[in-house]
């Protein structure tokens, strides 16, 4: 039999990060710098 490894199986912590990278929209450094520059935003992690 020919078995193929399922790329959607999460085996390691690194696999979680790869999965999240695929799900989340790609953002460049400039976008994140602008996002984090306003510490007065009403978001739970500021």
N, C-alpha and C. Protein backbone atom coordinates (compact mmCIF):
# COMPACT_ATOMS: atom_id res chain seq x y z
N UNK A 1 0.83 -1.20 0.00
CA UNK A 1 0.00 0.00 0.00
C UNK A 1 0.86 1.25 0.00
N UNK A 2 0.36 2.28 -0.63
CA UNK A 2 1.06 3.55 -0.69
C UNK A 2 0.40 4.51 0.29
N UNK A 3 1.11 4.86 1.37
CA UNK A 3 0.56 5.76 2.38
C UNK A 3 1.07 7.17 2.16
N UNK A 4 0.20 8.14 2.33
CA UNK A 4 0.59 9.54 2.22
C UNK A 4 0.37 10.20 3.59
N UNK A 5 1.34 10.93 4.06
CA UNK A 5 1.21 11.62 5.33
C UNK A 5 0.27 12.80 5.14
N UNK A 6 -0.69 12.91 6.03
CA UNK A 6 -1.66 14.00 5.99
C UNK A 6 -1.00 15.26 6.52
N UNK A 7 -0.87 16.28 5.70
CA UNK A 7 -0.20 17.53 6.09
C UNK A 7 -1.04 18.34 7.08
N UNK A 8 -2.27 17.95 7.31
CA UNK A 8 -3.11 18.68 8.25
C UNK A 8 -3.04 18.10 9.66
N UNK A 9 -2.26 17.06 9.86
CA UNK A 9 -2.11 16.49 11.20
C UNK A 9 -1.08 17.31 11.96
N UNK A 10 -1.42 17.66 13.19
CA UNK A 10 -0.52 18.45 14.01
C UNK A 10 0.22 17.52 14.96
N UNK A 11 1.53 17.47 14.80
CA UNK A 11 2.36 16.62 15.65
C UNK A 11 3.24 17.41 16.61
N UNK A 12 3.57 18.63 16.23
CA UNK A 12 4.51 19.42 17.03
C UNK A 12 3.99 20.84 17.20
N UNK A 13 4.63 21.55 18.11
CA UNK A 13 4.32 22.96 18.31
C UNK A 13 4.56 23.75 17.03
N UNK A 14 5.61 23.39 16.32
CA UNK A 14 5.92 24.05 15.05
C UNK A 14 4.82 23.87 14.03
N UNK A 15 4.17 22.69 14.05
CA UNK A 15 3.06 22.43 13.14
C UNK A 15 1.90 23.39 13.42
N UNK A 16 1.70 23.74 14.69
CA UNK A 16 0.64 24.69 15.05
C UNK A 16 0.94 26.05 14.43
N UNK A 17 2.20 26.48 14.53
CA UNK A 17 2.57 27.78 13.96
C UNK A 17 2.41 27.79 12.44
N UNK A 18 2.77 26.70 11.80
CA UNK A 18 2.60 26.61 10.35
C UNK A 18 1.13 26.68 9.97
N UNK A 19 0.28 26.00 10.74
CA UNK A 19 -1.15 26.01 10.48
C UNK A 19 -1.71 27.43 10.63
N UNK A 20 -1.31 28.11 11.71
CA UNK A 20 -1.79 29.47 11.93
C UNK A 20 -1.32 30.42 10.83
N UNK A 21 -0.09 30.24 10.37
CA UNK A 21 0.40 31.06 9.26
C UNK A 21 -0.47 30.89 8.02
N UNK A 22 -0.94 29.69 7.78
CA UNK A 22 -1.79 29.43 6.62
C UNK A 22 -3.18 30.05 6.78
N UNK A 23 -3.70 30.05 8.02
CA UNK A 23 -5.05 30.57 8.27
C UNK A 23 -5.10 32.09 8.32
N UNK A 24 -4.07 32.68 8.89
CA UNK A 24 -4.08 34.12 9.10
C UNK A 24 -3.60 34.86 7.86
N UNK A 25 -4.14 36.02 7.67
CA UNK A 25 -3.74 36.85 6.53
C UNK A 25 -2.30 37.30 6.72
N UNK A 26 -1.58 37.33 5.64
CA UNK A 26 -0.19 37.77 5.70
C UNK A 26 -0.15 39.28 5.94
N UNK A 27 0.60 39.69 6.92
CA UNK A 27 0.75 41.11 7.24
C UNK A 27 2.23 41.44 7.30
N UNK A 28 2.60 42.62 6.80
CA UNK A 28 3.99 43.01 6.84
C UNK A 28 4.30 43.76 8.15
N UNK A 29 5.57 44.04 8.37
CA UNK A 29 6.00 44.70 9.61
C UNK A 29 5.35 46.05 9.80
N UNK A 30 5.20 46.79 8.71
CA UNK A 30 4.60 48.12 8.82
C UNK A 30 3.18 48.05 9.38
N UNK A 31 2.39 47.08 8.92
CA UNK A 31 1.03 46.93 9.42
C UNK A 31 1.03 46.65 10.92
N UNK A 32 1.89 45.72 11.37
CA UNK A 32 1.94 45.36 12.81
C UNK A 32 2.46 46.53 13.64
N UNK A 33 3.44 47.25 13.15
CA UNK A 33 3.95 48.41 13.90
C UNK A 33 2.86 49.44 14.11
N UNK A 34 2.07 49.70 13.09
CA UNK A 34 0.96 50.64 13.21
C UNK A 34 -0.09 50.10 14.18
N UNK A 35 -0.38 48.80 14.09
CA UNK A 35 -1.36 48.18 14.97
C UNK A 35 -0.98 48.33 16.44
N UNK A 36 0.29 48.06 16.76
CA UNK A 36 0.75 48.11 18.15
C UNK A 36 1.11 49.50 18.63
N UNK A 37 1.15 50.49 17.76
CA UNK A 37 1.55 51.84 18.15
C UNK A 37 0.51 52.52 19.03
N UNK A 38 -0.76 52.20 18.87
CA UNK A 38 -1.82 52.82 19.66
C UNK A 38 -2.15 51.93 20.86
N UNK A 39 -1.55 52.22 22.01
CA UNK A 39 -1.77 51.42 23.23
C UNK A 39 -3.09 51.75 23.92
N UNK A 40 -3.79 52.76 23.42
CA UNK A 40 -5.06 53.16 24.02
C UNK A 40 -6.26 52.39 23.46
N UNK A 41 -6.01 51.54 22.47
CA UNK A 41 -7.10 50.76 21.86
C UNK A 41 -7.79 49.90 22.89
N UNK A 42 -9.05 49.68 22.68
CA UNK A 42 -9.85 48.81 23.56
C UNK A 42 -9.71 47.37 23.09
N UNK A 43 -8.56 46.77 23.37
CA UNK A 43 -8.33 45.35 23.05
C UNK A 43 -7.81 44.68 24.32
N UNK A 44 -8.16 43.43 24.53
CA UNK A 44 -7.86 42.78 25.81
C UNK A 44 -6.37 42.55 26.12
N UNK A 45 -5.50 42.62 25.14
CA UNK A 45 -4.10 42.32 25.43
C UNK A 45 -3.22 43.56 25.58
N UNK A 46 -3.83 44.75 25.59
CA UNK A 46 -3.04 45.97 25.83
C UNK A 46 -3.17 46.34 27.28
